[in-house]
Amino acid sequence: MNPALLDLHLLRAFVAVARQGSVSRAATQLHRTQPALSLQLKKLAEASGLELFQRGAHGMVLSADGAALLQLAERTLAAADDFARGVERLHGSARGLLRIGTILDPSFLRLGDWLGALVRSAPQIATELRHGISGSVMAQLQQGQLDVCFYLSPSLAATEALQPALAGRTLTRFDYRVVAPAGWGPQVAGRDWEALATLPWLETPPESAHHRLLQGVFGPRGLAPRRAALVDQEASMLDLIKSGVGLSLVRDAIAMRESQQHGLAVADQVRIGCELQFVCLAGRREDAVVQAAWRALEQVWG
């Protein structure tokens, strides 16, 4: 293949003259002289071995061969422009490793949608996910072992007040409900926190959101619920509730589902509001990798 056929300057000259119908107008558009443009057309015709134009009464007219090649030339130029823009985007795009602390179940976090948006917008970023309890991923973030994390707290204001070095955003608000084994309806219906504290509870580690939320309720009242078991996973917690071991906090949507499907009892007089938050260190907020994570978050959570 003659290299001149892939010369973008020659193709641009050909397309400009074809669209303008005049060498002089095309030369003005391309900021070139008429002799230079005419020479480029001659080189392209020689390289192709085809007559591309014919002179008409009102200027340059495409020949049948020229008309057949025009769309091909335009697509070639468009592809070259796309390639150049792609190179520019990669030069300006964030790259590196994003370490992410996750909690709860992926669907609740919209994790797949978020990571998909991140990969599409910043393909040079590699991701590393570490799943854990809310408080443990927060500790890793503060120690510099994570770049961003999901976190549970009564409010973002409370989170940032206690830990001002953080920058966060509330993704959604929901309630935790007190769920008890099937058949315990009479023991939890109409009961307040004082009454519920006398029942056996599934305790969680201090790092968990359940522990922090219950401490906020029981602590000021001077209550110390009786511990039936210590558990650190939500799935295990539900199994123990179904087995009749004790009661615990469960996200409202799951509480209603389990009540309908398995007959678990839900306390009707108490609930605790909570927020799902996305958090990073305030000093890292402007890092390119972290910024890319926040932009992808906006696409998914709005």
Protein backbone atom coordinates (compact mmCIF):
# COMPACT_ATOMS: atom_id res chain seq x y z
CA MET A 1 0.00 0.00 0.00
CA ASN A 2 1.22 3.47 -0.90
CA PRO A 3 1.87 5.34 2.39
CA ALA A 4 0.43 8.50 0.86
CA LEU A 5 -3.03 6.93 0.98
CA LEU A 6 -2.82 7.10 4.78
CA ASP A 7 -1.47 10.64 4.91
CA LEU A 8 -4.07 12.52 6.98
CA HIS A 9 -3.01 15.87 5.49
CA LEU A 10 -3.84 14.60 2.00
CA LEU A 11 -7.15 13.17 3.15
CA ARG A 12 -8.11 16.43 4.85
CA ALA A 13 -7.30 18.34 1.66
CA PHE A 14 -9.42 15.90 -0.37
CA VAL A 15 -12.42 16.14 1.98
CA ALA A 16 -12.22 19.94 2.26
CA VAL A 17 -12.17 20.45 -1.53
CA ALA A 18 -14.98 17.91 -1.97
CA ARG A 19 -17.18 19.69 0.55
CA GLN A 20 -16.31 23.25 -0.50
CA GLY A 21 -16.32 22.56 -4.23
CA SER A 22 -13.43 24.97 -4.60
CA VAL A 23 -9.68 24.80 -4.01
CA SER A 24 -9.59 28.44 -2.93
CA ARG A 25 -12.35 28.07 -0.33
CA ALA A 26 -10.85 24.83 0.95
CA ALA A 27 -7.43 26.49 1.21
CA THR A 28 -8.97 29.29 3.30
CA GLN A 29 -10.68 26.75 5.55
CA LEU A 30 -7.46 24.80 6.09
CA HIS A 31 -5.28 27.92 6.35
CA ARG A 32 -3.09 26.84 3.43
CA THR A 33 -2.14 28.33 0.08
CA GLN A 34 -3.94 27.24 -3.07
CA PRO A 35 -0.73 25.88 -4.73
CA ALA A 36 0.04 23.79 -1.65
CA LEU A 37 -3.48 22.36 -1.58
CA SER A 38 -3.45 21.62 -5.30
CA LEU A 39 -0.15 19.78 -4.85
CA GLN A 40 -1.67 17.64 -2.10
CA LEU A 41 -4.62 16.72 -4.31
CA LYS A 42 -2.19 15.74 -7.08
CA LYS A 43 -0.18 13.51 -4.69
CA LEU A 44 -3.35 11.74 -3.51
CA ALA A 45 -4.54 11.18 -7.08
CA GLU A 46 -1.15 9.75 -8.05
CA ALA A 47 -1.03 7.51 -4.99
CA SER A 48 -4.53 6.16 -5.62
CA GLY A 49 -4.18 5.97 -9.39
CA LEU A 50 -7.67 7.46 -9.67
CA GLU A 51 -9.14 10.69 -11.00
CA LEU A 52 -10.75 12.20 -7.92
CA PHE A 53 -12.06 15.52 -9.30
CA GLN A 54 -13.22 17.04 -12.51
CA ARG A 55 -13.31 20.75 -13.21
CA GLY A 56 -16.84 22.03 -13.69
CA ALA A 57 -18.32 25.38 -14.57
CA HIS A 58 -18.60 26.31 -10.90
CA GLY A 59 -15.49 24.68 -9.47
CA MET A 60 -14.20 21.25 -8.55
CA VAL A 61 -16.68 18.36 -8.90
CA LEU A 62 -16.11 14.90 -7.51
CA SER A 63 -15.67 12.13 -10.03
CA ALA A 64 -17.51 8.84 -9.53
CA ASP A 65 -14.36 7.37 -7.93
CA GLY A 66 -13.93 10.44 -5.74
CA ALA A 67 -17.53 10.25 -4.55
CA ALA A 68 -17.05 6.56 -3.67
CA LEU A 69 -13.99 7.42 -1.56
CA LEU A 70 -15.35 10.52 0.20
CA GLN A 71 -17.20 8.75 3.05
CA LEU A 72 -14.26 6.40 3.58
CA ALA A 73 -11.93 9.38 3.88
CA GLU A 74 -14.27 11.09 6.35
CA ARG A 75 -14.53 7.96 8.51
CA THR A 76 -10.74 7.61 8.48
CA LEU A 77 -10.30 11.20 9.64
CA ALA A 78 -12.98 10.79 12.33
CA ALA A 79 -11.26 7.64 13.62
CA ALA A 80 -7.93 9.47 13.72
CA ASP A 81 -9.52 12.31 15.69
CA ASP A 82 -11.07 9.80 18.12
CA PHE A 83 -7.67 8.20 18.58
CA ALA A 84 -6.05 11.55 19.31
CA ARG A 85 -8.75 12.43 21.84
CA GLY A 86 -8.32 9.03 23.48
CA VAL A 87 -4.61 9.68 23.88
CA GLU A 88 -5.35 13.08 25.43
CA ARG A 89 -7.86 11.55 27.86
CA LEU A 90 -5.37 8.94 28.98
CA HIS A 91 -2.72 11.60 29.57
CA GLY A 92 -5.18 13.53 31.73
CA SER A 93 -6.87 10.57 33.40
CA ALA A 94 -6.32 9.34 36.91
CA ARG A 95 -4.27 6.19 37.25
CA GLY A 96 -3.11 4.06 40.13
CA LEU A 97 -4.67 1.86 42.81
CA LEU A 98 -7.89 2.68 44.65
CA ARG A 99 -8.27 0.74 47.92
CA ILE A 100 -11.93 0.48 48.91
CA GLY A 101 -13.43 -0.55 52.25
CA THR A 102 -16.84 -2.20 51.82
CA ILE A 103 -19.51 -3.27 54.32
CA LEU A 104 -22.91 -4.96 54.28
CA ASP A 105 -24.03 -6.57 51.00
CA PRO A 106 -22.89 -5.30 47.57
CA SER A 107 -26.43 -4.66 46.31
CA PHE A 108 -27.17 -2.27 49.18
CA LEU A 109 -23.99 -0.31 48.34
CA ARG A 110 -24.76 -0.41 44.58
CA LEU A 111 -21.19 -1.63 44.43
CA GLY A 112 -21.32 -3.21 40.98
CA ASP A 113 -22.87 -0.13 39.36
CA TRP A 114 -20.36 2.15 41.04
CA LEU A 115 -17.33 0.10 40.06
CA GLY A 116 -18.67 -0.16 36.51
CA ALA A 117 -18.97 3.62 36.29
CA LEU A 118 -15.46 3.99 37.69
CA VAL A 119 -13.95 1.57 35.17
CA ARG A 120 -15.66 3.33 32.27
CA SER A 121 -14.63 6.83 33.35
CA ALA A 122 -11.13 6.00 34.63
CA PRO A 123 -9.89 2.78 32.99
CA GLN A 124 -6.34 3.31 34.28
CA ILE A 125 -7.44 2.88 37.91
CA ALA A 126 -7.08 -0.57 39.47
CA THR A 127 -9.34 -1.35 42.43
CA GLU A 128 -8.78 -3.41 45.57
CA LEU A 129 -11.80 -4.22 47.77
CA ARG A 130 -11.55 -5.09 51.45
CA HIS A 131 -14.75 -6.15 53.18
CA GLY A 132 -15.24 -5.73 56.90
CA ILE A 133 -17.23 -4.28 59.78
CA SER A 134 -18.08 -0.58 59.50
CA GLY A 135 -15.75 0.51 62.30
CA SER A 136 -12.86 -1.66 61.13
CA VAL A 137 -12.85 -0.26 57.58
CA MET A 138 -13.01 3.24 59.06
CA ALA A 139 -9.94 2.46 61.20
CA GLN A 140 -8.08 1.23 58.10
CA LEU A 141 -9.02 4.44 56.28
CA GLN A 142 -7.67 6.59 59.10
CA GLN A 143 -4.45 4.56 59.19
CA GLY A 144 -3.90 5.12 55.47
CA GLN A 145 -4.57 1.50 54.55
CA LEU A 146 -7.66 2.43 52.52
CA ASP A 147 -8.38 5.36 50.18
CA VAL A 148 -12.19 5.42 50.52
CA CYS A 149 -14.76 3.43 52.46
CA PHE A 150 -18.44 2.96 53.10
CA TYR A 151 -19.52 3.65 56.67
CA LEU A 152 -22.63 3.55 58.86
CA SER A 153 -23.46 6.31 61.34
CA PRO A 154 -26.54 8.06 62.78
CA SER A 155 -25.60 11.15 60.72
CA LEU A 156 -22.81 12.54 58.59
CA ALA A 157 -22.63 15.59 60.86
CA ALA A 158 -21.92 13.30 63.81
CA THR A 159 -19.23 11.44 61.85
CA GLU A 160 -17.42 14.61 60.80
CA ALA A 161 -17.80 16.19 64.25
CA LEU A 162 -16.12 13.21 65.91
CA GLN A 163 -13.54 12.81 63.16
CA PRO A 164 -12.95 16.21 61.51
CA ALA A 165 -10.14 14.84 59.35
CA LEU A 166 -12.78 13.06 57.26
CA ALA A 167 -14.77 14.18 54.24
CA GLY A 168 -17.96 12.28 53.51
CA ARG A 169 -21.28 12.14 51.77
CA THR A 170 -24.58 10.55 52.84
CA LEU A 171 -25.77 8.08 50.20
CA THR A 172 -29.05 6.96 51.79
CA ARG A 173 -30.92 7.01 55.08
CA PHE A 174 -32.74 4.03 56.58
CA ASP A 175 -33.88 2.61 59.92
CA TYR A 176 -32.64 -0.28 61.99
CA ARG A 177 -35.44 -2.32 63.56
CA VAL A 178 -35.31 -4.67 66.53
CA VAL A 179 -36.03 -8.20 65.30
CA ALA A 180 -36.80 -11.17 67.54
CA PRO A 181 -37.38 -14.89 66.94
CA ALA A 182 -40.72 -16.12 65.64
CA GLY A 183 -43.17 -16.47 68.50
CA TRP A 184 -41.66 -13.62 70.48
CA GLY A 185 -44.28 -11.18 69.27
CA PRO A 186 -45.90 -10.68 72.71
CA GLN A 187 -42.49 -10.01 74.25
CA VAL A 188 -41.57 -7.18 71.85
CA ALA A 189 -44.92 -5.70 70.78
CA GLY A 190 -45.53 -2.32 72.38
CA ARG A 191 -42.27 -2.49 74.37
CA ASP A 192 -39.85 0.39 74.84
CA TRP A 193 -36.07 0.19 75.14
CA GLU A 194 -36.18 -0.44 78.89
CA ALA A 195 -38.40 -3.47 78.41
CA LEU A 196 -36.45 -4.78 75.45
CA ALA A 197 -33.18 -4.54 77.41
CA THR A 198 -34.40 -7.33 79.71
CA LEU A 199 -34.48 -9.83 76.83
CA PRO A 200 -31.47 -11.78 75.52
CA TRP A 201 -29.57 -9.92 72.79
CA LEU A 202 -27.07 -10.90 70.12
CA GLU A 203 -24.12 -8.66 70.87
CA THR A 204 -21.76 -7.40 68.17
CA PRO A 205 -18.10 -6.26 68.32
CA PRO A 206 -17.39 -2.62 69.30
CA GLU A 207 -16.35 -1.89 65.69
CA SER A 208 -19.80 -2.71 64.32
CA ALA A 209 -22.51 -0.18 63.59
CA HIS A 210 -24.99 -2.27 65.64
CA HIS A 211 -22.83 -1.89 68.75
CA ARG A 212 -22.39 1.88 68.30
CA LEU A 213 -26.09 2.46 67.62
CA LEU A 214 -27.26 0.40 70.60
CA GLN A 215 -24.74 2.08 72.88
CA GLY A 216 -26.29 5.38 71.84
CA VAL A 217 -29.66 4.08 73.03
CA PHE A 218 -28.80 1.96 76.06
CA GLY A 219 -25.83 3.94 77.40
CA PRO A 220 -27.67 7.18 78.29
CA ARG A 221 -30.41 5.09 79.94
CA GLY A 222 -27.93 3.14 82.04
CA LEU A 223 -29.08 -0.14 80.54
CA ALA A 224 -26.93 -3.24 79.94
CA PRO A 225 -28.79 -5.86 77.86
CA ARG A 226 -28.11 -9.52 78.59
CA ARG A 227 -25.79 -11.04 75.99
CA ALA A 228 -26.90 -14.34 74.51
CA ALA A 229 -24.12 -14.59 71.88
CA LEU A 230 -21.47 -12.51 70.14
CA VAL A 231 -21.75 -12.34 66.35
CA ASP A 232 -20.02 -10.20 63.72
CA GLN A 233 -21.86 -11.06 60.48
CA GLU A 234 -25.39 -10.08 59.50
CA ALA A 235 -26.13 -13.46 57.89
CA SER A 236 -25.09 -15.30 61.07
CA MET A 237 -27.14 -12.86 63.10
CA LEU A 238 -30.30 -13.73 61.18
CA ASP A 239 -29.67 -17.45 61.58
CA LEU A 240 -29.32 -17.05 65.35
CA ILE A 241 -32.52 -14.98 65.52
CA LYS A 242 -34.36 -17.68 63.55
CA SER A 243 -32.93 -20.29 65.93
CA GLY A 244 -34.48 -18.49 68.90
CA VAL A 245 -31.22 -17.37 70.51
CA GLY A 246 -32.05 -13.70 70.94
CA LEU A 247 -32.91 -10.43 69.25
CA SER A 248 -30.84 -7.88 67.35
CA LEU A 249 -30.88 -4.85 65.09
CA VAL A 250 -31.67 -5.53 61.43
CA ARG A 251 -32.01 -3.12 58.50
CA ASP A 252 -35.67 -2.20 57.98
CA ALA A 253 -36.04 -3.73 54.51
CA ILE A 254 -34.54 -7.03 55.68
CA ALA A 255 -36.59 -6.95 58.88
CA MET A 256 -39.84 -6.65 56.92
CA ARG A 257 -38.78 -9.39 54.49
CA GLU A 258 -37.85 -11.80 57.27
CA SER A 259 -41.06 -11.03 59.12
CA GLN A 260 -43.12 -11.92 56.05
CA GLN A 261 -41.11 -14.94 54.94
CA HIS A 262 -40.09 -16.50 58.26
CA GLY A 263 -42.47 -15.00 60.81
CA LEU A 264 -39.77 -13.14 62.77
CA ALA A 265 -41.17 -10.64 65.27
CA VAL A 266 -40.41 -6.93 64.80
CA ALA A 267 -40.64 -4.49 67.72
CA ASP A 268 -43.16 -1.84 66.74
CA GLN A 269 -42.33 0.95 69.19
CA VAL A 270 -38.60 1.49 68.61
CA ARG A 271 -36.25 2.08 65.72
CA ILE A 272 -32.88 3.74 65.15
CA GLY A 273 -32.17 6.01 62.18
CA CYS A 274 -28.91 5.44 60.31
CA GLU A 275 -27.04 6.71 57.27
CA LEU A 276 -24.92 4.92 54.70
CA GLN A 277 -21.97 7.21 54.04
CA PHE A 278 -19.06 7.32 51.60
CA VAL A 279 -15.93 8.65 53.28
CA CYS A 280 -12.31 9.57 52.58
CA LEU A 281 -9.63 11.50 54.43
CA ALA A 282 -10.19 15.24 53.94
CA GLY A 283 -6.55 15.65 52.97
CA ARG A 284 -6.99 13.11 50.15
CA ARG A 285 -10.18 14.60 48.70
CA GLU A 286 -8.36 16.27 45.79
CA ASP A 287 -6.20 13.25 44.87
CA ALA A 288 -6.91 12.27 41.26
CA VAL A 289 -7.77 8.65 42.11
CA VAL A 290 -10.10 9.67 44.95
CA GLN A 291 -11.74 12.35 42.79
CA ALA A 292 -12.46 9.72 40.14
CA ALA A 293 -14.15 7.58 42.80
CA TRP A 294 -16.37 10.50 43.85
CA ARG A 295 -17.32 11.31 40.24
CA ALA A 296 -18.34 7.70 39.65
CA LEU A 297 -20.35 7.82 42.87
CA GLU A 298 -22.29 10.83 41.56
CA GLN A 299 -23.26 8.86 38.45
CA VAL A 300 -24.75 6.03 40.52
CA TRP A 301 -26.19 7.78 43.58
CA GLY A 302 -27.01 11.13 41.91
